[in-house]
Amino acid sequence: MAHSLAIPPARSSTRHHERARWLLLSLVVSLGAVALSVCVGGRPSTLAEAWHALATPTGTVMDVTIRELRWPRTVTAVVAGVCLGVAGVLVQGHTRNPIADPGLLGINQGAGLAIVAATALAGAVAPLTQALLAFAGALVAVVVVFLIGSASRHGATPITLVLAGAAVSALCTGLVSGIVLLDDQALDTLRFWQVGSVAVRNGSLEILGPFLAVGLMLAVLNVGALNALSLGEDTARSLGVSVVGARATGIAAITLLAGAAVTLAGPIAFAGLLVPHIARAMVGADYRWLIPAVALTGAALLLLADTAGRVVARPGELSVGVVLAAAGAPFFVHLARRKKLVTV
């Protein structure tokens, strides 16, 4: 019987090659999106001009524009996209819910509430303090969601977790709106950040490196447990997986990655929902392939959304949060209407 269930070596090798090709394509698309992001703006530039500005700048207006505005914006979009993509697939894996993401479960909103409250109370907040507040807010939100979701008679099911997340998200969003409306200084400081924007530079990118490294490392360490948990908790235990330890590792990774993304670009919705589904369509449900796939896809998605926002609203621009909301809301409705959701 065991022999009949084994995957033929040739078939397995073909599948690995197919996944590798998808990852390579994702990398190419991501690099193309980086080039577009650097070259597109109020005054478009060529790739040669962009390379000259980054490698051998001479102080021209275009050099300054690319080095001081477009390149930091591009790097922010890449980092935030990687964080949201990986956090999204971890949330979906641990809740076993294909319509879960850090935004729908209130994690992004919890991180945002902590930053907004501190800004309203203390004015300008140092980048490191802002990052720590975001991590704390994200952690509190995810713990509250799991506690509320686990309080039902049937425990933490996909439905109870989504309902708990919706409640936490609504509460945090309401509190953020109230604080911002009552505090003019907070409104001025956080206007663009609140809707999700990679154009806001708050100095956080330089100090988030260690937190991002730890979050990504924990996500990679969580891969084996997630593959086992996708078969059910009982099966995972029979395979020697510590479910509690796996959940704790996942929550720590989600907290660091979602908190970092919110610190950099605000509470961007739907990226953590869209990216895992795109990646699964390419490489399947094996988390060994999903983690790199969502990282590349997340970076490409945020870069393309930000670039599209600069193009469609010229001479102004739409923030990346608005563009993703316009794309993500119909996709969410499509998922909700499907008779059978994709298994995670």
C-alpha atoms as a PDB file:
ATOM      1  CA  MET A   1       0.000   0.000   0.000  1.00  0.00           C
ATOM      2  CA  ALA A   2       2.814   2.373   0.908  1.00  0.00           C
ATOM      3  CA  HIS A   3       4.449   1.575  -2.408  1.00  0.00           C
ATOM      4  CA  SER A   4       1.310   2.532  -4.326  1.00  0.00           C
ATOM      5  CA  LEU A   5       1.271   5.950  -2.666  1.00  0.00           C
ATOM      6  CA  ALA A   6       4.875   6.769  -3.491  1.00  0.00           C
ATOM      7  CA  ILE A   7       5.474   9.473  -6.077  1.00  0.00           C
ATOM      8  CA  PRO A   8       7.482   8.179  -9.066  1.00  0.00           C
ATOM      9  CA  PRO A   9      10.975   9.763  -9.100  1.00  0.00           C
ATOM     10  CA  ALA A  10      10.565  11.065 -12.652  1.00  0.00           C
ATOM     11  CA  ARG A  11       7.264  12.748 -11.797  1.00  0.00           C
ATOM     12  CA  SER A  12       8.727  14.276  -8.620  1.00  0.00           C
ATOM     13  CA  SER A  13      11.739  15.598 -10.542  1.00  0.00           C
ATOM     14  CA  THR A  14       9.466  17.120 -13.184  1.00  0.00           C
ATOM     15  CA  ARG A  15       7.417  18.861 -10.484  1.00  0.00           C
ATOM     16  CA  HIS A  16      10.570  20.267  -8.866  1.00  0.00           C
ATOM     17  CA  HIS A  17      11.767  21.617 -12.211  1.00  0.00           C
ATOM     18  CA  GLU A  18       8.375  23.208 -12.829  1.00  0.00           C
ATOM     19  CA  ARG A  19       8.438  24.898  -9.424  1.00  0.00           C
ATOM     20  CA  ALA A  20      11.988  26.101 -10.006  1.00  0.00           C
ATOM     21  CA  ARG A  21      10.925  27.641 -13.318  1.00  0.00           C
ATOM     22  CA  TRP A  22       8.074  29.472 -11.585  1.00  0.00           C
ATOM     23  CA  LEU A  23      10.475  30.807  -8.960  1.00  0.00           C
ATOM     24  CA  LEU A  24      12.845  31.969 -11.688  1.00  0.00           C
ATOM     25  CA  LEU A  25       9.959  33.686 -13.480  1.00  0.00           C
ATOM     26  CA  SER A  26       8.940  35.366 -10.206  1.00  0.00           C
ATOM     27  CA  LEU A  27      12.495  36.620  -9.758  1.00  0.00           C
ATOM     28  CA  VAL A  28      12.556  38.031 -13.297  1.00  0.00           C
ATOM     29  CA  VAL A  29       9.188  39.756 -12.767  1.00  0.00           C
ATOM     30  CA  SER A  30      10.410  41.191  -9.455  1.00  0.00           C
ATOM     31  CA  LEU A  31      13.562  42.581 -11.062  1.00  0.00           C
ATOM     32  CA  GLY A  32      11.479  44.051 -13.873  1.00  0.00           C
ATOM     33  CA  ALA A  33       9.179  45.643 -11.304  1.00  0.00           C
ATOM     34  CA  VAL A  34      12.221  47.161  -9.562  1.00  0.00           C
ATOM     35  CA  ALA A  35      13.359  48.669 -12.865  1.00  0.00           C
ATOM     36  CA  LEU A  36       9.888  50.092 -13.535  1.00  0.00           C
ATOM     37  CA  SER A  37       9.658  51.548 -10.043  1.00  0.00           C
ATOM     38  CA  VAL A  38      12.988  53.333 -10.397  1.00  0.00           C
ATOM     39  CA  CYS A  39      12.279  54.654 -13.903  1.00  0.00           C
ATOM     40  CA  VAL A  40       8.611  55.701 -13.641  1.00  0.00           C
ATOM     41  CA  GLY A  41       7.684  59.046 -12.112  1.00  0.00           C
ATOM     42  CA  GLY A  42       6.728  62.620 -12.864  1.00  0.00           C
ATOM     43  CA  ARG A  43       9.649  62.673 -15.276  1.00  0.00           C
ATOM     44  CA  PRO A  44      10.366  59.154 -16.590  1.00  0.00           C
ATOM     45  CA  SER A  45      13.966  58.025 -16.905  1.00  0.00           C
ATOM     46  CA  THR A  46      15.734  55.342 -18.901  1.00  0.00           C
ATOM     47  CA  LEU A  47      17.469  52.341 -17.368  1.00  0.00           C
ATOM     48  CA  ALA A  48      20.807  53.904 -18.319  1.00  0.00           C
ATOM     49  CA  GLU A  49      19.918  57.095 -16.433  1.00  0.00           C
ATOM     50  CA  ALA A  50      18.781  55.080 -13.423  1.00  0.00           C
ATOM     51  CA  TRP A  51      22.002  53.058 -13.384  1.00  0.00           C
ATOM     52  CA  HIS A  52      24.081  56.223 -13.726  1.00  0.00           C
ATOM     53  CA  ALA A  53      22.228  57.852 -10.822  1.00  0.00           C
ATOM     54  CA  LEU A  54      22.774  54.851  -8.547  1.00  0.00           C
ATOM     55  CA  ALA A  55      26.313  53.901  -9.574  1.00  0.00           C
ATOM     56  CA  THR A  56      28.035  57.155 -10.579  1.00  0.00           C
ATOM     57  CA  PRO A  57      25.863  60.119  -9.567  1.00  0.00           C
ATOM     58  CA  THR A  58      26.869  63.607 -10.659  1.00  0.00           C
ATOM     59  CA  GLY A  59      24.272  65.609  -8.738  1.00  0.00           C
ATOM     60  CA  THR A  60      21.829  66.283 -11.560  1.00  0.00           C
ATOM     61  CA  VAL A  61      18.135  66.712 -10.810  1.00  0.00           C
ATOM     62  CA  MET A  62      17.414  63.231 -12.179  1.00  0.00           C
ATOM     63  CA  ASP A  63      20.215  61.703 -10.089  1.00  0.00           C
ATOM     64  CA  VAL A  64      18.845  63.277  -6.918  1.00  0.00           C
ATOM     65  CA  THR A  65      15.284  62.243  -7.774  1.00  0.00           C
ATOM     66  CA  ILE A  66      16.256  58.623  -8.305  1.00  0.00           C
ATOM     67  CA  ARG A  67      18.653  58.328  -5.348  1.00  0.00           C
ATOM     68  CA  GLU A  68      16.665  60.299  -2.788  1.00  0.00           C
ATOM     69  CA  LEU A  69      13.075  59.514  -3.793  1.00  0.00           C
ATOM     70  CA  ARG A  70      12.567  56.583  -6.136  1.00  0.00           C
ATOM     71  CA  TRP A  71      15.231  54.180  -4.886  1.00  0.00           C
ATOM     72  CA  PRO A  72      14.283  54.370  -1.170  1.00  0.00           C
ATOM     73  CA  ARG A  73      10.631  54.027  -2.197  1.00  0.00           C
ATOM     74  CA  THR A  74      11.484  50.949  -4.262  1.00  0.00           C
ATOM     75  CA  VAL A  75      13.437  49.316  -1.443  1.00  0.00           C
ATOM     76  CA  THR A  76      10.593  50.032   0.984  1.00  0.00           C
ATOM     77  CA  ALA A  77       8.097  48.391  -1.384  1.00  0.00           C
ATOM     78  CA  VAL A  78      10.311  45.312  -1.762  1.00  0.00           C
ATOM     79  CA  VAL A  79      10.811  44.877   1.984  1.00  0.00           C
ATOM     80  CA  ALA A  80       7.157  45.511   2.849  1.00  0.00           C
ATOM     81  CA  GLY A  81       6.034  43.153   0.073  1.00  0.00           C
ATOM     82  CA  VAL A  82       8.276  40.349   1.302  1.00  0.00           C
ATOM     83  CA  CYS A  83       7.059  40.849   4.877  1.00  0.00           C
ATOM     84  CA  LEU A  84       3.366  40.904   3.952  1.00  0.00           C
ATOM     85  CA  GLY A  85       3.652  37.927   1.611  1.00  0.00           C
ATOM     86  CA  VAL A  86       5.444  35.700   4.125  1.00  0.00           C
ATOM     87  CA  ALA A  87       3.253  36.848   7.033  1.00  0.00           C
ATOM     88  CA  GLY A  88       0.153  36.172   4.927  1.00  0.00           C
ATOM     89  CA  VAL A  89       1.099  32.606   4.068  1.00  0.00           C
ATOM     90  CA  LEU A  90       1.994  31.916   7.719  1.00  0.00           C
ATOM     91  CA  VAL A  91      -1.371  33.242   8.893  1.00  0.00           C
ATOM     92  CA  GLN A  92      -3.223  31.121   6.343  1.00  0.00           C
ATOM     93  CA  GLY A  93      -1.172  28.060   7.219  1.00  0.00           C
ATOM     94  CA  HIS A  94      -1.658  28.295  10.973  1.00  0.00           C
ATOM     95  CA  THR A  95      -5.361  29.136  10.797  1.00  0.00           C
ATOM     96  CA  ARG A  96      -5.913  26.714   7.875  1.00  0.00           C
ATOM     97  CA  ASN A  97      -8.047  29.444   6.371  1.00  0.00           C
ATOM     98  CA  PRO A  98      -7.496  30.533   2.747  1.00  0.00           C
ATOM     99  CA  ILE A  99      -9.162  33.922   3.282  1.00  0.00           C
ATOM    100  CA  ALA A 100      -7.049  34.922   6.282  1.00  0.00           C
ATOM    101  CA  ASP A 101      -4.320  37.545   6.175  1.00  0.00           C
ATOM    102  CA  PRO A 102      -2.666  39.888   8.699  1.00  0.00           C
ATOM    103  CA  GLY A 103      -5.142  42.643   7.810  1.00  0.00           C
ATOM    104  CA  LEU A 104      -8.316  40.558   7.999  1.00  0.00           C
ATOM    105  CA  LEU A 105      -7.243  39.144  11.372  1.00  0.00           C
ATOM    106  CA  GLY A 106      -6.577  42.593  12.824  1.00  0.00           C
ATOM    107  CA  ILE A 107      -2.806  42.153  13.139  1.00  0.00           C
ATOM    108  CA  ASN A 108      -1.915  45.095  10.905  1.00  0.00           C
ATOM    109  CA  GLN A 109      -4.542  47.229  12.623  1.00  0.00           C
ATOM    110  CA  GLY A 110      -3.173  46.335  16.058  1.00  0.00           C
ATOM    111  CA  ALA A 111       0.316  47.416  15.016  1.00  0.00           C
ATOM    112  CA  GLY A 112      -1.088  50.586  13.480  1.00  0.00           C
ATOM    113  CA  LEU A 113      -3.101  51.424  16.595  1.00  0.00           C
ATOM    114  CA  ALA A 114       0.012  51.218  18.777  1.00  0.00           C
ATOM    115  CA  ILE A 115       1.902  53.629  16.506  1.00  0.00           C
ATOM    116  CA  VAL A 116      -1.009  56.064  16.172  1.00  0.00           C
ATOM    117  CA  ALA A 117      -1.673  56.123  19.921  1.00  0.00           C
ATOM    118  CA  ALA A 118       1.993  56.785  20.693  1.00  0.00           C
ATOM    119  CA  THR A 119       2.158  59.544  18.073  1.00  0.00           C
ATOM    120  CA  ALA A 120      -0.931  61.229  19.495  1.00  0.00           C
ATOM    121  CA  LEU A 121       0.376  61.032  23.072  1.00  0.00           C
ATOM    122  CA  ALA A 122       4.053  61.838  22.543  1.00  0.00           C
ATOM    123  CA  GLY A 123       4.267  63.532  19.150  1.00  0.00           C
ATOM    124  CA  ALA A 124       7.093  62.394  16.890  1.00  0.00           C
ATOM    125  CA  VAL A 125       8.255  58.884  17.821  1.00  0.00           C
ATOM    126  CA  ALA A 126      11.796  57.616  17.208  1.00  0.00           C
ATOM    127  CA  PRO A 127      12.044  54.944  14.477  1.00  0.00           C
ATOM    128  CA  LEU A 128      13.186  52.191  16.862  1.00  0.00           C
ATOM    129  CA  THR A 129      10.419  53.026  19.325  1.00  0.00           C
ATOM    130  CA  GLN A 130       7.912  53.033  16.475  1.00  0.00           C
ATOM    131  CA  ALA A 131       9.062  49.586  15.370  1.00  0.00           C
ATOM    132  CA  LEU A 132       8.878  48.161  18.898  1.00  0.00           C
ATOM    133  CA  LEU A 133       5.388  49.603  19.334  1.00  0.00           C
ATOM    134  CA  ALA A 134       4.296  48.012  16.055  1.00  0.00           C
ATOM    135  CA  PHE A 135       5.626  44.622  17.157  1.00  0.00           C
ATOM    136  CA  ALA A 136       3.857  44.933  20.505  1.00  0.00           C
ATOM    137  CA  GLY A 137       0.577  45.956  18.884  1.00  0.00           C
ATOM    138  CA  ALA A 138       0.758  43.122  16.350  1.00  0.00           C
ATOM    139  CA  LEU A 139       1.534  40.579  19.080  1.00  0.00           C
ATOM    140  CA  VAL A 140      -1.352  41.717  21.280  1.00  0.00           C
ATOM    141  CA  ALA A 141      -3.728  41.587  18.314  1.00  0.00           C
ATOM    142  CA  VAL A 142      -2.744  38.085  17.204  1.00  0.00           C
ATOM    143  CA  VAL A 143      -2.898  36.713  20.763  1.00  0.00           C
ATOM    144  CA  VAL A 144      -6.333  38.283  21.347  1.00  0.00           C
ATOM    145  CA  VAL A 145      -7.624  36.858  18.052  1.00  0.00           C
ATOM    146  CA  PHE A 146      -6.434  33.345  18.918  1.00  0.00           C
ATOM    147  CA  LEU A 147      -7.814  33.591  22.466  1.00  0.00           C
ATOM    148  CA  ILE A 148     -11.237  34.753  21.265  1.00  0.00           C
ATOM    149  CA  GLY A 149     -11.259  32.207  18.447  1.00  0.00           C
ATOM    150  CA  SER A 150     -10.349  29.395  20.860  1.00  0.00           C
ATOM    151  CA  ALA A 151     -13.061  30.326  23.366  1.00  0.00           C
ATOM    152  CA  SER A 152     -15.848  28.753  21.299  1.00  0.00           C
ATOM    153  CA  ARG A 153     -17.137  25.253  21.989  1.00  0.00           C
ATOM    154  CA  HIS A 154     -15.348  23.844  18.944  1.00  0.00           C
ATOM    155  CA  GLY A 155     -12.065  25.655  19.566  1.00  0.00           C
ATOM    156  CA  ALA A 156     -10.116  27.776  17.095  1.00  0.00           C
ATOM    157  CA  THR A 157     -11.751  26.997  13.754  1.00  0.00           C
ATOM    158  CA  PRO A 158     -11.194  28.987  10.540  1.00  0.00           C
ATOM    159  CA  ILE A 159     -14.610  30.621  10.970  1.00  0.00           C
ATOM    160  CA  THR A 160     -14.142  31.635  14.620  1.00  0.00           C
ATOM    161  CA  LEU A 161     -10.687  33.045  13.901  1.00  0.00           C
ATOM    162  CA  VAL A 162     -11.982  35.165  11.014  1.00  0.00           C
ATOM    163  CA  LEU A 163     -14.872  36.437  13.148  1.00  0.00           C
ATOM    164  CA  ALA A 164     -12.510  37.237  16.022  1.00  0.00           C
ATOM    165  CA  GLY A 165     -10.140  38.946  13.591  1.00  0.00           C
ATOM    166  CA  ALA A 166     -12.960  40.998  12.118  1.00  0.00           C
ATOM    167  CA  ALA A 167     -13.953  42.162  15.605  1.00  0.00           C
ATOM    168  CA  VAL A 168     -10.380  43.082  16.581  1.00  0.00           C
ATOM    169  CA  SER A 169      -9.820  44.771  13.216  1.00  0.00           C
ATOM    170  CA  ALA A 170     -13.001  46.839  13.523  1.00  0.00           C
ATOM    171  CA  LEU A 171     -12.131  47.880  17.085  1.00  0.00           C
ATOM    172  CA  CYS A 172      -8.580  48.926  16.190  1.00  0.00           C
ATOM    173  CA  THR A 173      -9.704  50.736  13.036  1.00  0.00           C
ATOM    174  CA  GLY A 174     -12.349  52.649  14.978  1.00  0.00           C
ATOM    175  CA  LEU A 175      -9.864  53.664  17.657  1.00  0.00           C
ATOM    176  CA  VAL A 176      -7.321  54.782  15.051  1.00  0.00           C
ATOM    177  CA  SER A 177      -9.938  56.880  13.244  1.00  0.00           C
ATOM    178  CA  GLY A 178     -11.065  58.465  16.506  1.00  0.00           C
ATOM    179  CA  ILE A 179      -7.528  59.330  17.597  1.00  0.00           C
ATOM    180  CA  VAL A 180      -6.562  60.783  14.223  1.00  0.00           C
ATOM    181  CA  LEU A 181      -9.727  62.874  13.928  1.00  0.00           C
ATOM    182  CA  LEU A 182      -9.340  64.290  17.443  1.00  0.00           C
ATOM    183  CA  ASP A 183      -5.630  65.075  17.104  1.00  0.00           C
ATOM    184  CA  ASP A 184      -4.651  67.445  14.280  1.00  0.00           C
ATOM    185  CA  GLN A 185      -0.950  66.751  14.756  1.00  0.00           C
ATOM    186  CA  ALA A 186      -1.481  63.005  14.433  1.00  0.00           C
ATOM    187  CA  LEU A 187      -3.621  63.592  11.339  1.00  0.00           C
ATOM    188  CA  ASP A 188      -0.886  65.635   9.658  1.00  0.00           C
ATOM    189  CA  THR A 189       1.842  63.165  10.620  1.00  0.00           C
ATOM    190  CA  LEU A 190       0.032  59.969   9.674  1.00  0.00           C
ATOM    191  CA  ARG A 191      -2.259  60.998   6.802  1.00  0.00           C
ATOM    192  CA  PHE A 192      -0.438  59.079   4.052  1.00  0.00           C
ATOM    193  CA  TRP A 193       0.953  56.339   6.280  1.00  0.00           C
ATOM    194  CA  GLN A 194      -2.542  55.466   7.545  1.00  0.00           C
ATOM    195  CA  VAL A 195      -3.842  54.436   4.097  1.00  0.00           C
ATOM    196  CA  GLY A 196      -0.694  52.481   3.252  1.00  0.00           C
ATOM    197  CA  SER A 197       2.082  54.206   1.346  1.00  0.00           C
ATOM    198  CA  VAL A 198       5.666  53.282   0.485  1.00  0.00           C
ATOM    199  CA  ALA A 199       6.448  56.940  -0.229  1.00  0.00           C
ATOM    200  CA  VAL A 200       6.581  57.819   3.484  1.00  0.00           C
ATOM    201  CA  ARG A 201      10.140  57.880   4.831  1.00  0.00           C
ATOM    202  CA  ASN A 202      10.286  57.687   8.617  1.00  0.00           C
ATOM    203  CA  GLY A 203      13.814  56.346   9.064  1.00  0.00           C
ATOM    204  CA  SER A 204      12.597  52.879  10.054  1.00  0.00           C
ATOM    205  CA  LEU A 205      14.117  50.979   7.136  1.00  0.00           C
ATOM    206  CA  GLU A 206      17.644  51.317   8.484  1.00  0.00           C
ATOM    207  CA  ILE A 207      16.874  49.824  11.909  1.00  0.00           C
ATOM    208  CA  LEU A 208      14.519  47.004  10.910  1.00  0.00           C
ATOM    209  CA  GLY A 209      17.180  44.698   9.436  1.00  0.00           C
ATOM    210  CA  PRO A 210      17.747  42.489  12.510  1.00  0.00           C
ATOM    211  CA  PHE A 211      14.007  42.118  13.146  1.00  0.00           C
ATOM    212  CA  LEU A 212      13.373  41.184   9.515  1.00  0.00           C
ATOM    213  CA  ALA A 213      16.194  38.635   9.565  1.00  0.00           C
ATOM    214  CA  VAL A 214      14.811  36.968  12.694  1.00  0.00           C
ATOM    215  CA  GLY A 215      11.260  36.978  11.321  1.00  0.00           C
ATOM    216  CA  LEU A 216      12.309  35.377   8.034  1.00  0.00           C
ATOM    217  CA  MET A 217      14.497  32.838   9.840  1.00  0.00           C
ATOM    218  CA  LEU A 218      11.565  31.829  12.062  1.00  0.00           C
ATOM    219  CA  ALA A 219       9.360  31.508   8.976  1.00  0.00           C
ATOM    220  CA  VAL A 220      11.880  29.155   7.365  1.00  0.00           C
ATOM    221  CA  LEU A 221      12.153  27.127  10.581  1.00  0.00           C
ATOM    222  CA  ASN A 222       8.345  26.850  10.589  1.00  0.00           C
ATOM    223  CA  VAL A 223       8.201  25.205   7.149  1.00  0.00           C
ATOM    224  CA  GLY A 224       8.320  21.572   8.258  1.00  0.00           C
ATOM    225  CA  ALA A 225       5.702  22.094  10.956  1.00  0.00           C
ATOM    226  CA  LEU A 226       3.374  23.895   8.537  1.00  0.00           C
ATOM    227  CA  ASN A 227       3.593  21.026   6.046  1.00  0.00           C
ATOM    228  CA  ALA A 228       2.682  18.620   8.841  1.00  0.00           C
ATOM    229  CA  LEU A 229      -0.096  20.854  10.226  1.00  0.00           C
ATOM    230  CA  SER A 230      -1.681  21.008   6.775  1.00  0.00           C
ATOM    231  CA  LEU A 231      -2.537  17.320   7.319  1.00  0.00           C
ATOM    232  CA  GLY A 232      -4.275  18.105  10.621  1.00  0.00           C
ATOM    233  CA  GLU A 233      -3.059  18.597  14.186  1.00  0.00           C
ATOM    234  CA  ASP A 234      -3.431  14.923  15.139  1.00  0.00           C
ATOM    235  CA  THR A 235      -1.376  13.809  12.155  1.00  0.00           C
ATOM    236  CA  ALA A 236       1.217  16.481  12.914  1.00  0.00           C
ATOM    237  CA  ARG A 237       1.548  15.221  16.490  1.00  0.00           C
ATOM    238  CA  SER A 238       1.929  11.651  15.250  1.00  0.00           C
ATOM    239  CA  LEU A 239       4.794  12.881  13.063  1.00  0.00           C
ATOM    240  CA  GLY A 240       6.539  14.323  16.121  1.00  0.00           C
ATOM    241  CA  VAL A 241       5.616  17.978  15.647  1.00  0.00           C
ATOM    242  CA  SER A 242       5.090  20.102  18.747  1.00  0.00           C
ATOM    243  CA  VAL A 243       1.914  21.945  17.794  1.00  0.00           C
ATOM    244  CA  VAL A 244       2.305  24.499  20.591  1.00  0.00           C
ATOM    245  CA  GLY A 245       5.927  25.151  19.646  1.00  0.00           C
ATOM    246  CA  ALA A 246       5.033  25.465  15.970  1.00  0.00           C
ATOM    247  CA  ARG A 247       2.233  27.930  16.757  1.00  0.00           C
ATOM    248  CA  ALA A 248       4.553  29.995  18.976  1.00  0.00           C
ATOM    249  CA  THR A 249       7.210  30.118  16.257  1.00  0.00           C
ATOM    250  CA  GLY A 250       4.598  31.112  13.686  1.00  0.00           C
ATOM    251  CA  ILE A 251       3.124  33.833  15.890  1.00  0.00           C
ATOM    252  CA  ALA A 252       6.591  35.263  16.556  1.00  0.00           C
ATOM    253  CA  ALA A 253       7.373  35.342  12.827  1.00  0.00           C
ATOM    254  CA  ILE A 254       3.995  36.881  11.949  1.00  0.00           C
ATOM    255  CA  THR A 255       4.428  39.524  14.646  1.00  0.00           C
ATOM    256  CA  LEU A 256       7.885  40.575  13.459  1.00  0.00           C
ATOM    257  CA  LEU A 257       7.042  40.576   9.749  1.00  0.00           C
ATOM    258  CA  ALA A 258       3.623  42.228   9.974  1.00  0.00           C
ATOM    259  CA  GLY A 259       4.918  44.753  12.500  1.00  0.00           C
ATOM    260  CA  ALA A 260       7.842  45.631  10.233  1.00  0.00           C
ATOM    261  CA  ALA A 261       5.553  46.075   7.222  1.00  0.00           C
ATOM    262  CA  VAL A 262       3.210  48.367   9.160  1.00  0.00           C
ATOM    263  CA  THR A 263       6.131  50.408  10.485  1.00  0.00           C
ATOM    264  CA  LEU A 264       7.466  50.925   6.971  1.00  0.00           C
ATOM    265  CA  ALA A 265       4.329  51.442   4.922  1.00  0.00           C
ATOM    266  CA  GLY A 266       1.286  51.553   7.168  1.00  0.00           C
ATOM    267  CA  PRO A 267      -1.526  48.988   7.448  1.00  0.00           C
ATOM    268  CA  ILE A 268      -1.709  47.819   3.813  1.00  0.00           C
ATOM    269  CA  ALA A 269      -4.703  45.547   3.262  1.00  0.00           C
ATOM    270  CA  PHE A 270      -5.118  42.513   0.993  1.00  0.00           C
ATOM    271  CA  ALA A 271      -1.436  41.969   0.098  1.00  0.00           C
ATOM    272  CA  GLY A 272      -1.222  39.102   2.582  1.00  0.00           C
ATOM    273  CA  LEU A 273      -4.391  37.625   1.065  1.00  0.00           C
ATOM    274  CA  LEU A 274      -3.540  37.953  -2.628  1.00  0.00           C
ATOM    275  CA  VAL A 275       0.095  36.882  -2.584  1.00  0.00           C
ATOM    276  CA  PRO A 276      -0.259  33.351  -1.085  1.00  0.00           C
ATOM    277  CA  HIS A 277      -2.984  32.451  -3.588  1.00  0.00           C
ATOM    278  CA  ILE A 278      -0.864  33.621  -6.521  1.00  0.00           C
ATOM    279  CA  ALA A 279       2.118  31.670  -5.168  1.00  0.00           C
ATOM    280  CA  ARG A 280       0.096  28.476  -4.588  1.00  0.00           C
ATOM    281  CA  ALA A 281      -1.135  28.597  -8.167  1.00  0.00           C
ATOM    282  CA  MET A 282       2.519  28.571  -9.250  1.00  0.00           C
ATOM    283  CA  VAL A 283       4.323  26.186  -6.879  1.00  0.00           C
ATOM    284  CA  GLY A 284       1.607  24.279  -5.017  1.00  0.00           C
ATOM    285  CA  ALA A 285       1.056  23.878  -1.284  1.00  0.00           C
ATOM    286  CA  ASP A 286       4.534  22.749  -0.179  1.00  0.00           C
ATOM    287  CA  TYR A 287       5.814  25.440   2.190  1.00  0.00           C
ATOM    288  CA  ARG A 288       9.421  24.720   1.216  1.00  0.00           C
ATOM    289  CA  TRP A 289       8.566  26.330  -2.117  1.00  0.00           C
ATOM    290  CA  LEU A 290       5.817  28.642  -0.905  1.00  0.00           C
ATOM    291  CA  ILE A 291       8.020  30.765   1.366  1.00  0.00           C
ATOM    292  CA  PRO A 292      10.420  31.912  -1.389  1.00  0.00           C
ATOM    293  CA  ALA A 293       7.513  32.174  -3.844  1.00  0.00           C
ATOM    294  CA  VAL A 294       5.476  34.501  -1.612  1.00  0.00           C
ATOM    295  CA  ALA A 295       8.560  36.609  -0.856  1.00  0.00           C
ATOM    296  CA  LEU A 296       9.210  37.227  -4.557  1.00  0.00           C
ATOM    297  CA  THR A 297       5.532  37.607  -5.441  1.00  0.00           C
ATOM    298  CA  GLY A 298       4.906  40.003  -2.555  1.00  0.00           C
ATOM    299  CA  ALA A 299       7.787  42.238  -3.586  1.00  0.00           C
ATOM    300  CA  ALA A 300       6.615  42.273  -7.215  1.00  0.00           C
ATOM    301  CA  LEU A 301       2.979  42.940  -6.275  1.00  0.00           C
ATOM    302  CA  LEU A 302       3.740  45.968  -4.096  1.00  0.00           C
ATOM    303  CA  LEU A 303       6.169  47.390  -6.643  1.00  0.00           C
ATOM    304  CA  LEU A 304       3.666  47.035  -9.494  1.00  0.00           C
ATOM    305  CA  ALA A 305       0.814  48.437  -7.385  1.00  0.00           C
ATOM    306  CA  ASP A 306       2.911  51.444  -6.375  1.00  0.00           C
ATOM    307  CA  THR A 307       4.025  52.056  -9.961  1.00  0.00           C
ATOM    308  CA  ALA A 308       0.436  51.749 -11.211  1.00  0.00           C
ATOM    309  CA  GLY A 309      -0.657  54.308  -8.621  1.00  0.00           C
ATOM    310  CA  ARG A 310       1.887  56.768  -9.991  1.00  0.00           C
ATOM    311  CA  VAL A 311       0.740  56.224 -13.584  1.00  0.00           C
ATOM    312  CA  VAL A 312      -3.073  56.230 -13.366  1.00  0.00           C
ATOM    313  CA  ALA A 313      -3.376  59.368 -11.218  1.00  0.00           C
ATOM    314  CA  ARG A 314      -0.843  61.672 -12.906  1.00  0.00           C
ATOM    315  CA  PRO A 315       0.173  64.355 -12.069  1.00  0.00           C
ATOM    316  CA  GLY A 316      -0.739  63.120  -8.579  1.00  0.00           C
ATOM    317  CA  GLU A 317      -0.598  59.527  -7.370  1.00  0.00           C
ATOM    318  CA  LEU A 318      -2.634  56.855  -5.613  1.00  0.00           C
ATOM    319  CA  SER A 319      -1.084  55.208  -2.572  1.00  0.00           C
ATOM    320  CA  VAL A 320      -0.260  51.521  -2.798  1.00  0.00           C
ATOM    321  CA  GLY A 321      -2.882  50.788  -0.137  1.00  0.00           C
ATOM    322  CA  VAL A 322      -5.641  52.254  -2.308  1.00  0.00           C
ATOM    323  CA  VAL A 323      -4.499  50.343  -5.403  1.00  0.00           C
ATOM    324  CA  LEU A 324      -4.322  47.024  -3.545  1.00  0.00           C
ATOM    325  CA  ALA A 325      -7.715  47.609  -1.936  1.00  0.00           C
ATOM    326  CA  ALA A 326      -9.219  48.159  -5.389  1.00  0.00           C
ATOM    327  CA  ALA A 327      -7.671  44.891  -6.603  1.00  0.00           C
ATOM    328  CA  GLY A 328      -8.037  42.886  -3.402  1.00  0.00           C
ATOM    329  CA  ALA A 329     -11.684  43.532  -2.568  1.00  0.00           C
ATOM    330  CA  PRO A 330     -13.061  41.845  -5.733  1.00  0.00           C
ATOM    331  CA  PHE A 331     -10.618  38.956  -5.233  1.00  0.00           C
ATOM    332  CA  PHE A 332     -11.825  38.505  -1.654  1.00  0.00           C
ATOM    333  CA  VAL A 333     -15.444  38.425  -2.852  1.00  0.00           C
ATOM    334  CA  HIS A 334     -14.466  35.854  -5.489  1.00  0.00           C
ATOM    335  CA  LEU A 335     -12.889  33.635  -2.834  1.00  0.00           C
ATOM    336  CA  ALA A 336     -15.892  33.954  -0.543  1.00  0.00           C
ATOM    337  CA  ARG A 337     -18.280  32.959  -3.365  1.00  0.00           C
ATOM    338  CA  ARG A 338     -16.392  29.841  -4.369  1.00  0.00           C
ATOM    339  CA  LYS A 339     -18.079  26.593  -3.376  1.00  0.00           C
ATOM    340  CA  LYS A 340     -14.774  25.018  -2.456  1.00  0.00           C
ATOM    341  CA  LEU A 341     -11.884  27.109  -1.191  1.00  0.00           C
ATOM    342  CA  VAL A 342      -8.296  26.177  -1.871  1.00  0.00           C
ATOM    343  CA  THR A 343      -6.941  23.888   0.829  1.00  0.00           C
ATOM    344  CA  VAL A 344      -4.119  25.311   2.926  1.00  0.00           C
END
